[in-house]
Amino acid sequence: MQLTEKHRQYWSKNLRITSILLAIWFFVTFVLGFYCLIIWYYARYMNRLDQEHGVAEEE
C-alpha cells in the first residue's frame, strides 16, 4: 500500500502527540514521584532527629 502525503502527515502528527504524551507521563510518574518521595523521606528523617535530640515542635 502506498502512503499518500496525507497519510504521512497523519502519522507524523500521531507520532508527535504520542511522544509528547509519553514524555509528560514519564515526567509526572517518575520525576515528580521521586521528588515528592525525597521530600517525604527528608521530613520524616528530620522529625525523628528532632525527637531524638529533644527539639521537636509540639503539636
C-alpha atoms as a PDB file:
ATOM      1  CA  MET A   1       0.000   0.000   0.000  1.00  0.00           C
ATOM      2  CA  GLN A   2       1.353   3.373  -0.992  1.00  0.00           C
ATOM      3  CA  LEU A   3       1.172   6.092   1.585  1.00  0.00           C
ATOM      4  CA  THR A   4      -0.124   9.389   0.334  1.00  0.00           C
ATOM      5  CA  GLU A   5       1.133  12.700   1.612  1.00  0.00           C
ATOM      6  CA  LYS A   6      -1.972  12.984   3.814  1.00  0.00           C
ATOM      7  CA  HIS A   7      -1.191   9.617   5.409  1.00  0.00           C
ATOM      8  CA  ARG A   8       2.392  10.692   6.115  1.00  0.00           C
ATOM      9  CA  GLN A   9       1.228  13.925   7.694  1.00  0.00           C
ATOM     10  CA  TYR A  10      -1.293  11.995   9.780  1.00  0.00           C
ATOM     11  CA  TRP A  11       1.315   9.554  11.088  1.00  0.00           C
ATOM     12  CA  SER A  12       3.816  12.312  11.696  1.00  0.00           C
ATOM     13  CA  LYS A  13       1.324  14.212  13.858  1.00  0.00           C
ATOM     14  CA  ASN A  14       0.194  10.970  15.503  1.00  0.00           C
ATOM     15  CA  LEU A  15       3.761  10.049  16.499  1.00  0.00           C
ATOM     16  CA  ARG A  16       4.463  13.592  17.697  1.00  0.00           C
ATOM     17  CA  ILE A  17       1.444  13.719  20.029  1.00  0.00           C
ATOM     18  CA  THR A  18       2.159  10.199  21.289  1.00  0.00           C
ATOM     19  CA  SER A  19       5.757  11.178  22.063  1.00  0.00           C
ATOM     20  CA  ILE A  20       4.666  14.326  23.876  1.00  0.00           C
ATOM     21  CA  LEU A  21       2.126  12.432  25.978  1.00  0.00           C
ATOM     22  CA  LEU A  22       4.664   9.722  26.858  1.00  0.00           C
ATOM     23  CA  ALA A  23       7.171  12.383  27.907  1.00  0.00           C
ATOM     24  CA  ILE A  24       4.556  14.045  30.139  1.00  0.00           C
ATOM     25  CA  TRP A  25       3.615  10.657  31.612  1.00  0.00           C
ATOM     26  CA  PHE A  26       7.261   9.844  32.320  1.00  0.00           C
ATOM     27  CA  PHE A  27       7.891  13.227  33.951  1.00  0.00           C
ATOM     28  CA  VAL A  28       4.820  13.093  36.175  1.00  0.00           C
ATOM     29  CA  THR A  29       5.262   9.454  37.163  1.00  0.00           C
ATOM     30  CA  PHE A  30       8.979   9.251  37.749  1.00  0.00           C
ATOM     31  CA  VAL A  31      10.456  12.725  38.161  1.00  0.00           C
ATOM     32  CA  LEU A  32       7.692  14.267  40.285  1.00  0.00           C
ATOM     33  CA  GLY A  33       7.073  10.987  42.097  1.00  0.00           C
ATOM     34  CA  PHE A  34      10.689  10.610  43.173  1.00  0.00           C
ATOM     35  CA  TYR A  35      10.949  14.322  44.062  1.00  0.00           C
ATOM     36  CA  CYS A  36       7.924  14.019  46.350  1.00  0.00           C
ATOM     37  CA  LEU A  37       9.313  10.803  47.837  1.00  0.00           C
ATOM     38  CA  ILE A  38      12.596  12.546  48.651  1.00  0.00           C
ATOM     39  CA  ILE A  39      10.769  15.422  50.373  1.00  0.00           C
ATOM     40  CA  TRP A  40       8.622  12.988  52.389  1.00  0.00           C
ATOM     41  CA  TYR A  41      11.673  10.956  53.448  1.00  0.00           C
ATOM     42  CA  TYR A  42      13.598  14.100  54.426  1.00  0.00           C
ATOM     43  CA  ALA A  43      10.709  15.434  56.538  1.00  0.00           C
ATOM     44  CA  ARG A  44      10.279  12.065  58.257  1.00  0.00           C
ATOM     45  CA  TYR A  45      14.005  11.778  58.966  1.00  0.00           C
ATOM     46  CA  MET A  46      14.237  15.319  60.337  1.00  0.00           C
ATOM     47  CA  ASN A  47      11.231  14.766  62.627  1.00  0.00           C
ATOM     48  CA  ARG A  48      12.874  11.656  64.078  1.00  0.00           C
ATOM     49  CA  LEU A  49      16.133  13.527  64.529  1.00  0.00           C
ATOM     50  CA  ASP A  50      14.345  16.405  66.285  1.00  0.00           C
ATOM     51  CA  GLN A  51      12.599  13.984  68.633  1.00  0.00           C
ATOM     52  CA  GLU A  52      15.817  12.139  69.354  1.00  0.00           C
ATOM     53  CA  HIS A  53      17.544  15.355  70.429  1.00  0.00           C
ATOM     54  CA  GLY A  54      14.568  16.879  72.239  1.00  0.00           C
ATOM     55  CA  VAL A  55      13.984  19.775  69.893  1.00  0.00           C
ATOM     56  CA  ALA A  56      10.773  18.548  68.273  1.00  0.00           C
ATOM     57  CA  GLU A  57       7.962  21.044  67.805  1.00  0.00           C
ATOM     58  CA  GLU A  58       4.892  20.457  69.932  1.00  0.00           C
ATOM     59  CA  GLU A  59       1.667  19.891  68.030  1.00  0.00           C
END
